[in-house]
C-alpha atoms as a PDB file:
ATOM      1  CA  MET A   1       4.929  -3.764 -33.323  1.00  0.00           C
ATOM      2  CA  ALA A   2       4.124  -7.366 -32.598  1.00  0.00           C
ATOM      3  CA  SER A   3       0.855  -8.871 -33.834  1.00  0.00           C
ATOM      4  CA  ARG A   4      -2.213  -9.927 -31.790  1.00  0.00           C
ATOM      5  CA  ALA A   5      -1.162 -13.548 -31.831  1.00  0.00           C
ATOM      6  CA  ASP A   6       2.542 -12.879 -30.987  1.00  0.00           C
ATOM      7  CA  PRO A   7       3.201 -12.719 -27.251  1.00  0.00           C
ATOM      8  CA  SER A   8       6.579 -11.165 -27.730  1.00  0.00           C
ATOM      9  CA  GLY A   9       5.164  -7.764 -26.555  1.00  0.00           C
ATOM     10  CA  CYS A  10       4.950  -9.143 -23.048  1.00  0.00           C
ATOM     11  CA  VAL A  11       8.244  -8.567 -21.239  1.00  0.00           C
ATOM     12  CA  PRO A  12       9.221  -9.195 -17.607  1.00  0.00           C
ATOM     13  CA  ALA A  13       8.871  -6.075 -15.539  1.00  0.00           C
ATOM     14  CA  ALA A  14      12.606  -5.499 -14.939  1.00  0.00           C
ATOM     15  CA  PRO A  15      13.952  -2.007 -14.561  1.00  0.00           C
ATOM     16  CA  ALA A  16      15.067  -1.660 -18.134  1.00  0.00           C
ATOM     17  CA  ALA A  17      11.620  -2.688 -19.333  1.00  0.00           C
ATOM     18  CA  ILE A  18       9.963  -0.240 -17.008  1.00  0.00           C
ATOM     19  CA  ARG A  19      12.135   2.549 -18.382  1.00  0.00           C
ATOM     20  CA  ARG A  20      11.243   1.421 -21.980  1.00  0.00           C
ATOM     21  CA  ALA A  21       7.527   1.511 -21.146  1.00  0.00           C
ATOM     22  CA  ALA A  22       7.869   5.015 -19.826  1.00  0.00           C
ATOM     23  CA  GLU A  23       9.788   6.099 -23.029  1.00  0.00           C
ATOM     24  CA  LEU A  24       7.116   4.571 -25.208  1.00  0.00           C
ATOM     25  CA  LEU A  25       4.225   6.304 -23.303  1.00  0.00           C
ATOM     26  CA  ARG A  26       6.019   9.593 -23.534  1.00  0.00           C
ATOM     27  CA  ALA A  27       6.385   9.066 -27.290  1.00  0.00           C
ATOM     28  CA  GLY A  28       2.607   8.622 -27.610  1.00  0.00           C
ATOM     29  CA  GLU A  29       2.362   4.805 -27.647  1.00  0.00           C
ATOM     30  CA  LEU A  30       0.066   2.676 -25.569  1.00  0.00           C
ATOM     31  CA  VAL A  31       1.595   0.342 -22.893  1.00  0.00           C
ATOM     32  CA  ILE A  32       0.141  -2.250 -20.540  1.00  0.00           C
ATOM     33  CA  VAL A  33       1.114  -2.070 -16.904  1.00  0.00           C
ATOM     34  CA  PRO A  34       0.245  -4.155 -13.822  1.00  0.00           C
ATOM     35  CA  THR A  35      -1.592  -2.847 -10.915  1.00  0.00           C
ATOM     36  CA  GLU A  36      -2.864  -4.483  -7.732  1.00  0.00           C
ATOM     37  CA  THR A  37      -6.407  -4.637  -9.109  1.00  0.00           C
ATOM     38  CA  VAL A  38      -6.266  -5.469 -12.806  1.00  0.00           C
ATOM     39  CA  TYR A  39      -3.822  -4.972 -15.680  1.00  0.00           C
ATOM     40  CA  GLY A  40      -4.188  -1.481 -17.209  1.00  0.00           C
ATOM     41  CA  VAL A  41      -3.567   0.035 -20.521  1.00  0.00           C
ATOM     42  CA  ALA A  42      -2.085   3.548 -20.516  1.00  0.00           C
ATOM     43  CA  ALA A  43      -1.838   6.506 -22.795  1.00  0.00           C
ATOM     44  CA  ARG A  44      -0.268   9.966 -22.403  1.00  0.00           C
ATOM     45  CA  ALA A  45      -3.121  12.087 -20.997  1.00  0.00           C
ATOM     46  CA  ASP A  46      -2.034  15.341 -22.630  1.00  0.00           C
ATOM     47  CA  SER A  47      -1.871  13.912 -26.093  1.00  0.00           C
ATOM     48  CA  PRO A  48      -5.205  13.844 -28.079  1.00  0.00           C
ATOM     49  CA  ASP A  49      -3.650  11.359 -30.533  1.00  0.00           C
ATOM     50  CA  ALA A  50      -2.559   8.944 -27.833  1.00  0.00           C
ATOM     51  CA  LEU A  51      -5.978   9.165 -26.179  1.00  0.00           C
ATOM     52  CA  ALA A  52      -7.658   8.498 -29.535  1.00  0.00           C
ATOM     53  CA  LYS A  53      -5.542   5.366 -29.822  1.00  0.00           C
ATOM     54  CA  LEU A  54      -6.624   4.316 -26.307  1.00  0.00           C
ATOM     55  CA  TYR A  55     -10.305   4.768 -27.036  1.00  0.00           C
ATOM     56  CA  ALA A  56      -9.979   2.895 -30.289  1.00  0.00           C
ATOM     57  CA  ALA A  57      -8.057   0.073 -28.642  1.00  0.00           C
ATOM     58  CA  LYS A  58     -10.718  -0.388 -25.987  1.00  0.00           C
ATOM     59  CA  GLY A  59     -13.740   0.160 -28.332  1.00  0.00           C
ATOM     60  CA  ARG A  60     -14.792   2.677 -25.723  1.00  0.00           C
ATOM     61  CA  ALA A  61     -17.244   5.576 -26.231  1.00  0.00           C
ATOM     62  CA  ASP A  62     -15.518   8.949 -26.285  1.00  0.00           C
ATOM     63  CA  ALA A  63     -17.915  10.386 -23.764  1.00  0.00           C
ATOM     64  CA  LYS A  64     -16.583   8.034 -20.999  1.00  0.00           C
ATOM     65  CA  ARG A  65     -13.684   9.641 -19.178  1.00  0.00           C
ATOM     66  CA  ILE A  66     -10.537   7.752 -18.307  1.00  0.00           C
ATOM     67  CA  ALA A  67      -8.904   8.084 -14.853  1.00  0.00           C
ATOM     68  CA  LEU A  68      -5.406   9.358 -14.418  1.00  0.00           C
ATOM     69  CA  PHE A  69      -2.627   7.701 -12.398  1.00  0.00           C
ATOM     70  CA  ALA A  70      -0.631   9.805  -9.962  1.00  0.00           C
ATOM     71  CA  ALA A  71       2.325   9.355  -7.628  1.00  0.00           C
ATOM     72  CA  GLY A  72       0.526  11.117  -4.863  1.00  0.00           C
ATOM     73  CA  LEU A  73      -1.506  14.073  -3.802  1.00  0.00           C
ATOM     74  CA  GLU A  74       1.075  16.612  -4.947  1.00  0.00           C
ATOM     75  CA  SER A  75       0.821  15.203  -8.487  1.00  0.00           C
ATOM     76  CA  VAL A  76      -2.964  15.420  -8.232  1.00  0.00           C
ATOM     77  CA  ARG A  77      -2.727  19.140  -7.149  1.00  0.00           C
ATOM     78  CA  ALA A  78      -0.239  19.849  -9.923  1.00  0.00           C
ATOM     79  CA  ALA A  79      -2.794  18.475 -12.472  1.00  0.00           C
ATOM     80  CA  GLY A  80      -5.227  21.059 -11.424  1.00  0.00           C
ATOM     81  CA  ALA A  81      -7.643  19.076  -9.215  1.00  0.00           C
ATOM     82  CA  GLN A  82      -9.236  20.631  -6.187  1.00  0.00           C
ATOM     83  CA  VAL A  83      -8.112  18.627  -3.190  1.00  0.00           C
ATOM     84  CA  ASP A  84     -10.305  19.277  -0.115  1.00  0.00           C
ATOM     85  CA  GLU A  85     -10.092  17.791   3.407  1.00  0.00           C
ATOM     86  CA  ILE A  86     -12.211  14.793   2.506  1.00  0.00           C
ATOM     87  CA  ALA A  87      -9.879  13.964  -0.407  1.00  0.00           C
ATOM     88  CA  VAL A  88      -6.866  14.353   1.914  1.00  0.00           C
ATOM     89  CA  ARG A  89      -8.336  12.011   4.437  1.00  0.00           C
ATOM     90  CA  LEU A  90      -9.288   9.322   1.857  1.00  0.00           C
ATOM     91  CA  ALA A  91      -5.892   9.495   0.178  1.00  0.00           C
ATOM     92  CA  ALA A  92      -4.203   9.134   3.619  1.00  0.00           C
ATOM     93  CA  ALA A  93      -6.312   6.053   4.320  1.00  0.00           C
ATOM     94  CA  PHE A  94      -6.417   4.272   0.946  1.00  0.00           C
ATOM     95  CA  TRP A  95      -3.480   5.480  -1.270  1.00  0.00           C
ATOM     96  CA  PRO A  96      -1.654   3.719  -2.693  1.00  0.00           C
ATOM     97  CA  GLY A  97      -4.518   1.420  -3.185  1.00  0.00           C
ATOM     98  CA  PRO A  98      -7.754   0.506  -5.065  1.00  0.00           C
ATOM     99  CA  LEU A  99      -9.636   3.797  -4.711  1.00  0.00           C
ATOM    100  CA  THR A 100     -10.192   6.310  -7.573  1.00  0.00           C
ATOM    101  CA  LEU A 101     -11.059   9.817  -6.442  1.00  0.00           C
ATOM    102  CA  VAL A 102     -13.096  11.891  -8.833  1.00  0.00           C
ATOM    103  CA  LEU A 103     -12.269  15.612  -8.085  1.00  0.00           C
ATOM    104  CA  ALA A 104     -13.422  18.907  -9.497  1.00  0.00           C
ATOM    105  CA  ASN A 105     -10.797  20.537 -11.791  1.00  0.00           C
ATOM    106  CA  GLY A 106     -10.071  24.096 -12.630  1.00  0.00           C
ATOM    107  CA  ALA A 107     -11.805  23.889 -15.978  1.00  0.00           C
ATOM    108  CA  GLY A 108     -15.294  23.345 -14.500  1.00  0.00           C
ATOM    109  CA  GLY A 109     -15.160  19.541 -14.961  1.00  0.00           C
ATOM    110  CA  TRP A 110     -14.104  16.417 -13.117  1.00  0.00           C
ATOM    111  CA  ASP A 111     -11.112  14.169 -13.262  1.00  0.00           C
ATOM    112  CA  GLY A 112     -10.481  10.710 -11.622  1.00  0.00           C
ATOM    113  CA  PHE A 113      -7.124  10.024  -9.924  1.00  0.00           C
ATOM    114  CA  ARG A 114      -5.609   6.882  -8.450  1.00  0.00           C
ATOM    115  CA  VAL A 115      -2.308   6.014  -6.872  1.00  0.00           C
ATOM    116  CA  PRO A 116      -1.800   2.237  -7.617  1.00  0.00           C
ATOM    117  CA  ASP A 117      -0.415  -0.042  -4.941  1.00  0.00           C
ATOM    118  CA  HIS A 118       2.003  -1.986  -7.093  1.00  0.00           C
ATOM    119  CA  PRO A 119       5.775  -1.617  -7.110  1.00  0.00           C
ATOM    120  CA  VAL A 120       6.029  -1.853 -10.923  1.00  0.00           C
ATOM    121  CA  ALA A 121       3.363   0.778 -11.561  1.00  0.00           C
ATOM    122  CA  LEU A 122       4.941   3.097  -8.973  1.00  0.00           C
ATOM    123  CA  ALA A 123       8.421   2.671 -10.496  1.00  0.00           C
ATOM    124  CA  TRP A 124       6.926   3.386 -14.000  1.00  0.00           C
ATOM    125  CA  LEU A 125       5.311   6.535 -12.728  1.00  0.00           C
ATOM    126  CA  ARG A 126       8.613   7.769 -11.348  1.00  0.00           C
ATOM    127  CA  GLU A 127      10.220   7.110 -14.703  1.00  0.00           C
ATOM    128  CA  LEU A 128       7.488   9.162 -16.457  1.00  0.00           C
ATOM    129  CA  ALA A 129       9.094  12.170 -14.671  1.00  0.00           C
ATOM    130  CA  GLY A 130       5.801  14.178 -14.357  1.00  0.00           C
ATOM    131  CA  VAL A 131       4.076  13.044 -17.569  1.00  0.00           C
ATOM    132  CA  VAL A 132       0.548  12.124 -16.427  1.00  0.00           C
ATOM    133  CA  PRO A 133      -0.836   8.805 -17.806  1.00  0.00           C
ATOM    134  CA  ALA A 134      -4.514   8.069 -18.505  1.00  0.00           C
ATOM    135  CA  VAL A 135      -5.070   4.361 -17.459  1.00  0.00           C
ATOM    136  CA  THR A 136      -8.023   2.087 -17.866  1.00  0.00           C
ATOM    137  CA  SER A 137      -8.515  -1.728 -17.546  1.00  0.00           C
ATOM    138  CA  ALA A 138      -6.586  -3.593 -20.287  1.00  0.00           C
ATOM    139  CA  ASN A 139      -9.524  -5.228 -21.991  1.00  0.00           C
ATOM    140  CA  ARG A 140     -11.993  -4.462 -24.740  1.00  0.00           C
ATOM    141  CA  SER A 141     -15.014  -2.556 -23.382  1.00  0.00           C
ATOM    142  CA  GLY A 142     -17.652  -4.903 -22.117  1.00  0.00           C
ATOM    143  CA  GLU A 143     -15.200  -7.813 -21.736  1.00  0.00           C
ATOM    144  CA  PRO A 144     -13.764  -9.136 -18.421  1.00  0.00           C
ATOM    145  CA  PRO A 145     -10.690  -7.305 -17.083  1.00  0.00           C
ATOM    146  CA  ALA A 146      -7.340  -8.888 -17.766  1.00  0.00           C
ATOM    147  CA  LEU A 147      -5.597 -10.447 -14.767  1.00  0.00           C
ATOM    148  CA  THR A 148      -2.392 -11.409 -16.496  1.00  0.00           C
ATOM    149  CA  ALA A 149      -0.138  -9.613 -18.994  1.00  0.00           C
ATOM    150  CA  PRO A 150      -0.713 -12.250 -21.764  1.00  0.00           C
ATOM    151  CA  ASP A 151      -4.424 -11.910 -21.391  1.00  0.00           C
ATOM    152  CA  ALA A 152      -4.166  -8.027 -21.692  1.00  0.00           C
ATOM    153  CA  TRP A 153      -1.849  -8.392 -24.709  1.00  0.00           C
ATOM    154  CA  ALA A 154      -4.210 -10.868 -26.448  1.00  0.00           C
ATOM    155  CA  ALA A 155      -7.131  -8.330 -25.850  1.00  0.00           C
ATOM    156  CA  LEU A 156      -5.466  -5.222 -27.116  1.00  0.00           C
ATOM    157  CA  ALA A 157      -2.573  -5.984 -29.419  1.00  0.00           C
ATOM    158  CA  PRO A 158      -1.701  -4.755 -32.071  1.00  0.00           C
ATOM    159  CA  HIS A 159      -2.787  -1.403 -30.601  1.00  0.00           C
ATOM    160  CA  VAL A 160      -0.223  -1.494 -27.752  1.00  0.00           C
ATOM    161  CA  ALA A 161       3.599  -1.295 -27.981  1.00  0.00           C
ATOM    162  CA  LEU A 162       4.625  -3.189 -24.835  1.00  0.00           C
ATOM    163  CA  ALA A 163       3.163  -5.131 -21.844  1.00  0.00           C
ATOM    164  CA  LEU A 164       4.936  -5.230 -18.538  1.00  0.00           C
ATOM    165  CA  ASP A 165       4.527  -8.719 -17.104  1.00  0.00           C
ATOM    166  CA  ALA A 166       4.566  -8.893 -13.296  1.00  0.00           C
ATOM    167  CA  GLY A 167       2.556 -12.081 -12.953  1.00  0.00           C
ATOM    168  CA  PRO A 168      -1.082 -12.370 -11.970  1.00  0.00           C
ATOM    169  CA  VAL A 169      -2.728  -9.460 -10.173  1.00  0.00           C
ATOM    170  CA  ALA A 170      -3.499  -9.658  -6.428  1.00  0.00           C
ATOM    171  CA  VAL A 171      -6.991  -8.239  -6.173  1.00  0.00           C
ATOM    172  CA  GLY A 172      -8.652  -9.093  -9.478  1.00  0.00           C
ATOM    173  CA  ALA A 173     -11.363  -6.399  -9.168  1.00  0.00           C
ATOM    174  CA  ALA A 174     -11.469  -2.871 -10.512  1.00  0.00           C
ATOM    175  CA  SER A 175     -11.007   0.003  -8.070  1.00  0.00           C
ATOM    176  CA  THR A 176     -13.758   1.664  -6.046  1.00  0.00           C
ATOM    177  CA  VAL A 177     -14.671   4.978  -7.752  1.00  0.00           C
ATOM    178  CA  VAL A 178     -15.980   7.835  -5.664  1.00  0.00           C
ATOM    179  CA  LYS A 179     -16.861  11.443  -6.437  1.00  0.00           C
ATOM    180  CA  ILE A 180     -16.210  14.056  -3.753  1.00  0.00           C
ATOM    181  CA  ALA A 181     -18.769  16.868  -3.889  1.00  0.00           C
ATOM    182  CA  ALA A 182     -21.097  18.850  -1.665  1.00  0.00           C
ATOM    183  CA  GLY A 183     -19.237  17.936   1.488  1.00  0.00           C
ATOM    184  CA  GLY A 184     -19.705  14.171   1.005  1.00  0.00           C
ATOM    185  CA  ILE A 185     -18.740  11.095  -0.935  1.00  0.00           C
ATOM    186  CA  GLU A 186     -20.759   9.580  -3.823  1.00  0.00           C
ATOM    187  CA  ILE A 187     -19.911   6.034  -4.809  1.00  0.00           C
ATOM    188  CA  LEU A 188     -19.879   5.876  -8.591  1.00  0.00           C
ATOM    189  CA  ARG A 189     -18.559   2.222  -8.825  1.00  0.00           C
ATOM    190  CA  PRO A 190     -18.439  -0.226  -5.959  1.00  0.00           C
ATOM    191  CA  GLY A 191     -15.136  -2.066  -5.520  1.00  0.00           C
ATOM    192  CA  PRO A 192     -12.630  -3.294  -2.943  1.00  0.00           C
ATOM    193  CA  VAL A 193     -12.998  -0.232  -0.614  1.00  0.00           C
ATOM    194  CA  GLY A 194     -16.428  -0.466   0.931  1.00  0.00           C
ATOM    195  CA  ARG A 195     -19.000   2.042   2.095  1.00  0.00           C
ATOM    196  CA  ALA A 196     -18.193   1.674   5.840  1.00  0.00           C
ATOM    197  CA  ASP A 197     -14.481   2.163   5.276  1.00  0.00           C
ATOM    198  CA  LEU A 198     -15.187   5.243   3.234  1.00  0.00           C
ATOM    199  CA  ALA A 199     -17.406   6.687   5.806  1.00  0.00           C
ATOM    200  CA  ARG A 200     -15.029   6.014   8.662  1.00  0.00           C
ATOM    201  CA  ALA A 201     -11.976   7.508   6.791  1.00  0.00           C
ATOM    202  CA  GLY A 202     -13.780  10.421   5.113  1.00  0.00           C
ATOM    203  CA  ARG A 203     -15.786  11.395   8.264  1.00  0.00           C
ATOM    204  CA  CYS A 204     -18.610  12.542   6.040  1.00  0.00           C
ATOM    205  CA  PRO A 205     -21.865  11.290   4.414  1.00  0.00           C
ATOM    206  CA  VAL A 206     -21.576   8.521   1.761  1.00  0.00           C
ATOM    207  CA  ARG A 207     -24.178   8.326  -0.976  1.00  0.00           C
ATOM    208  CA  GLY A 208     -24.716   5.958  -3.817  1.00  0.00           C
END
Protein backbone atom coordinates (compact mmCIF):
# COMPACT_ATOMS: atom_id res chain seq x y z
CA MET A 1 0.00 0.00 0.00
CA ALA A 2 1.29 3.43 -0.90
CA SER A 3 2.43 5.80 1.82
CA ARG A 4 0.72 8.99 2.98
CA ALA A 5 3.09 11.16 0.96
CA ASP A 6 2.92 8.98 -2.15
CA PRO A 7 0.11 9.99 -4.55
CA SER A 8 0.34 6.74 -6.52
CA GLY A 9 -2.81 5.45 -4.83
CA CYS A 10 -4.86 7.96 -6.87
CA VAL A 11 -5.80 6.51 -10.23
CA PRO A 12 -8.01 7.88 -13.03
CA ALA A 13 -11.54 6.51 -12.69
CA ALA A 14 -11.40 4.34 -15.82
CA PRO A 15 -13.50 1.14 -16.01
CA ALA A 16 -10.60 -1.13 -15.00
CA ALA A 17 -9.86 1.04 -11.97
CA ILE A 18 -13.53 1.06 -10.96
CA ARG A 19 -13.57 -2.74 -11.11
CA ARG A 20 -10.38 -2.84 -9.02
CA ALA A 21 -11.93 -0.52 -6.43
CA ALA A 22 -14.91 -2.88 -6.17
CA GLU A 23 -12.62 -5.90 -5.78
CA LEU A 24 -10.67 -4.17 -3.03
CA LEU A 25 -13.79 -3.23 -1.10
CA ARG A 26 -15.18 -6.75 -1.37
CA ALA A 27 -11.85 -7.99 0.03
CA GLY A 28 -12.21 -5.75 3.09
CA GLU A 29 -10.03 -2.80 2.05
CA LEU A 30 -10.95 0.89 2.19
CA VAL A 31 -11.32 2.81 -1.07
CA ILE A 32 -11.95 6.46 -1.94
CA VAL A 33 -14.69 7.23 -4.46
CA PRO A 34 -16.00 10.46 -5.98
CA THR A 35 -19.56 11.64 -5.50
CA GLU A 36 -21.32 14.79 -6.61
CA THR A 37 -21.05 16.25 -3.08
CA VAL A 38 -17.59 15.41 -1.68
CA TYR A 39 -15.11 12.54 -2.04
CA GLY A 40 -16.07 9.57 0.12
CA VAL A 41 -14.19 6.74 1.78
CA ALA A 42 -15.91 3.37 1.76
CA ALA A 43 -15.79 0.07 3.61
CA ARG A 44 -17.74 -3.15 3.32
CA ALA A 45 -20.74 -2.60 5.59
CA ASP A 46 -21.15 -6.26 6.58
CA SER A 47 -17.51 -6.63 7.70
CA PRO A 48 -16.75 -5.59 11.31
CA ASP A 49 -13.02 -5.56 10.50
CA ALA A 50 -13.51 -3.29 7.49
CA LEU A 51 -15.72 -0.94 9.48
CA ALA A 52 -13.14 -0.81 12.26
CA LYS A 53 -10.56 0.24 9.65
CA LEU A 54 -12.91 2.97 8.47
CA TYR A 55 -13.48 4.37 11.96
CA ALA A 56 -9.74 4.27 12.67
CA ALA A 57 -8.91 6.02 9.38
CA LYS A 58 -11.40 8.79 10.12
CA GLY A 59 -10.60 9.07 13.82
CA ARG A 60 -14.36 8.82 14.28
CA ALA A 61 -16.23 7.83 17.44
CA ASP A 62 -17.70 4.34 17.18
CA ALA A 63 -21.11 5.62 18.29
CA LYS A 64 -21.51 7.71 15.12
CA ARG A 65 -23.20 5.65 12.43
CA ILE A 66 -22.06 5.73 8.82
CA ALA A 67 -24.52 5.93 5.92
CA LEU A 68 -24.83 3.24 3.28
CA PHE A 69 -24.73 3.73 -0.48
CA ALA A 70 -27.39 2.03 -2.57
CA ALA A 71 -28.17 1.70 -6.25
CA GLY A 72 -31.86 2.48 -5.68
CA LEU A 73 -34.89 1.80 -3.51
CA GLU A 74 -34.85 -1.94 -4.21
CA SER A 75 -31.36 -2.11 -2.74
CA VAL A 76 -32.59 -0.18 0.30
CA ARG A 77 -35.47 -2.61 0.80
CA ALA A 78 -33.11 -5.57 0.35
CA ALA A 79 -30.97 -4.15 3.18
CA GLY A 80 -33.95 -4.41 5.52
CA ALA A 81 -35.03 -0.77 5.70
CA GLN A 82 -38.68 0.19 6.10
CA VAL A 83 -39.59 2.22 3.02
CA ASP A 84 -42.86 4.15 3.47
CA GLU A 85 -44.69 6.48 1.07
CA ILE A 86 -42.72 9.52 2.24
CA ALA A 87 -39.43 7.74 1.50
CA VAL A 88 -40.72 6.72 -1.93
CA ARG A 89 -41.67 10.31 -2.75
CA LEU A 90 -38.34 11.74 -1.56
CA ALA A 91 -36.36 9.10 -3.46
CA ALA A 92 -38.34 9.83 -6.63
CA ALA A 93 -37.62 13.55 -6.27
CA PHE A 94 -33.98 13.56 -5.14
CA TRP A 95 -32.28 10.24 -5.98
CA PRO A 96 -29.74 9.99 -7.39
CA GLY A 97 -28.67 13.10 -5.50
CA PRO A 98 -27.45 14.78 -2.32
CA LEU A 99 -30.09 13.46 0.10
CA THR A 100 -29.49 10.80 2.76
CA LEU A 101 -32.62 9.09 4.08
CA VAL A 102 -32.45 7.69 7.62
CA LEU A 103 -34.97 4.86 7.79
CA ALA A 104 -36.06 2.36 10.44
CA ASN A 105 -34.59 -1.11 10.02
CA GLY A 106 -35.87 -4.52 11.03
CA ALA A 107 -33.56 -4.69 14.04
CA GLY A 108 -35.21 -1.81 15.87
CA GLY A 109 -32.60 0.73 14.81
CA TRP A 110 -31.99 3.21 12.01
CA ASP A 111 -29.83 3.22 8.89
CA GLY A 112 -29.00 6.04 6.48
CA PHE A 113 -29.05 5.48 2.72
CA ARG A 114 -28.04 7.55 -0.29
CA VAL A 115 -27.93 7.03 -4.04
CA PRO A 116 -25.06 9.23 -5.30
CA ASP A 117 -25.50 11.27 -8.47
CA HIS A 118 -22.10 10.53 -9.97
CA PRO A 119 -21.40 8.18 -12.90
CA VAL A 120 -18.24 6.75 -11.31
CA ALA A 121 -19.92 6.04 -7.98
CA LEU A 122 -22.90 4.42 -9.72
CA ALA A 123 -20.64 2.29 -11.94
CA TRP A 124 -18.70 1.21 -8.83
CA LEU A 125 -21.94 0.24 -7.07
CA ARG A 126 -22.88 -1.93 -10.04
CA GLU A 127 -19.49 -3.64 -9.89
CA LEU A 128 -20.05 -4.41 -6.20
CA ALA A 129 -22.82 -6.79 -7.28
CA GLY A 130 -24.99 -6.42 -4.19
CA VAL A 131 -22.27 -5.86 -1.59
CA VAL A 132 -23.39 -2.83 0.45
CA PRO A 133 -20.75 -0.16 1.16
CA ALA A 134 -20.67 2.17 4.15
CA VAL A 135 -19.48 5.55 2.87
CA THR A 136 -18.52 8.72 4.71
CA SER A 137 -16.62 11.85 3.74
CA ALA A 138 -12.95 11.20 2.92
CA ASN A 139 -11.35 13.32 5.62
CA ARG A 140 -10.29 13.03 9.23
CA SER A 141 -13.17 13.78 11.60
CA GLY A 142 -13.41 17.48 12.29
CA GLU A 143 -11.44 18.44 9.17
CA PRO A 144 -12.89 19.95 5.96
CA PRO A 145 -14.26 17.46 3.41
CA ALA A 146 -12.03 16.52 0.48
CA LEU A 147 -13.07 17.99 -2.86
CA THR A 148 -10.37 16.20 -4.91
CA ALA A 149 -8.93 12.69 -4.89
CA PRO A 150 -5.38 13.86 -3.98
CA ASP A 151 -6.78 15.77 -0.98
CA ALA A 152 -8.70 12.68 0.14
CA TRP A 153 -5.64 10.48 -0.31
CA ALA A 154 -3.46 12.88 1.66
CA ALA A 155 -5.99 12.89 4.50
CA LEU A 156 -6.46 9.14 4.82
CA ALA A 157 -3.48 7.23 3.38
CA PRO A 158 -1.99 4.80 4.39
CA HIS A 159 -5.35 3.47 5.62
CA VAL A 160 -6.84 3.29 2.11
CA ALA A 161 -5.89 0.99 -0.75
CA LEU A 162 -7.02 3.07 -3.75
CA ALA A 163 -8.54 6.44 -4.66
CA LEU A 164 -10.61 6.83 -7.82
CA ASP A 165 -9.81 10.24 -9.30
CA ALA A 166 -12.63 11.85 -11.29
CA GLY A 167 -11.54 15.45 -10.83
CA PRO A 168 -12.99 18.05 -8.46
CA VAL A 169 -16.49 17.43 -7.14
CA ALA A 170 -19.43 19.45 -8.43
CA VAL A 171 -21.33 20.38 -5.25
CA GLY A 172 -18.67 20.64 -2.55
CA ALA A 173 -21.07 20.25 0.38
CA ALA A 174 -22.16 17.12 2.24
CA SER A 175 -25.64 15.74 1.59
CA THR A 176 -28.77 16.77 3.42
CA VAL A 177 -29.63 14.11 6.03
CA VAL A 178 -33.25 13.53 7.03
CA LYS A 179 -34.97 11.02 9.27
CA ILE A 180 -38.41 9.78 8.30
CA ALA A 181 -40.54 9.01 11.36
CA ALA A 182 -44.00 9.67 12.81
CA GLY A 183 -45.42 10.61 9.42
CA GLY A 184 -42.96 13.42 8.84
CA ILE A 185 -39.43 14.49 7.99
CA GLU A 186 -36.81 15.55 10.54
CA ILE A 187 -33.75 17.38 9.21
CA LEU A 188 -30.67 15.96 10.95
CA ARG A 189 -28.11 17.83 8.84
CA PRO A 190 -28.87 20.72 6.50
CA GLY A 191 -27.40 20.49 3.02
CA PRO A 192 -28.08 21.05 -0.68
CA VAL A 193 -31.72 19.88 -0.49
CA GLY A 194 -33.60 22.56 1.44
CA ARG A 195 -36.63 22.53 3.73
CA ALA A 196 -39.07 23.89 1.13
CA ASP A 197 -38.05 21.26 -1.42
CA LEU A 198 -38.38 18.49 1.18
CA ALA A 199 -41.85 19.65 2.21
CA ARG A 200 -43.01 19.95 -1.39
CA ALA A 201 -41.71 16.52 -2.42
CA GLY A 202 -42.58 14.68 0.79
CA ARG A 203 -46.04 16.26 1.18
CA CYS A 204 -45.69 16.06 4.95
CA PRO A 205 -44.47 18.14 7.92
CA VAL A 206 -40.74 18.99 8.10
CA ARG A 207 -39.07 19.42 11.49
CA GLY A 208 -35.59 20.43 12.56
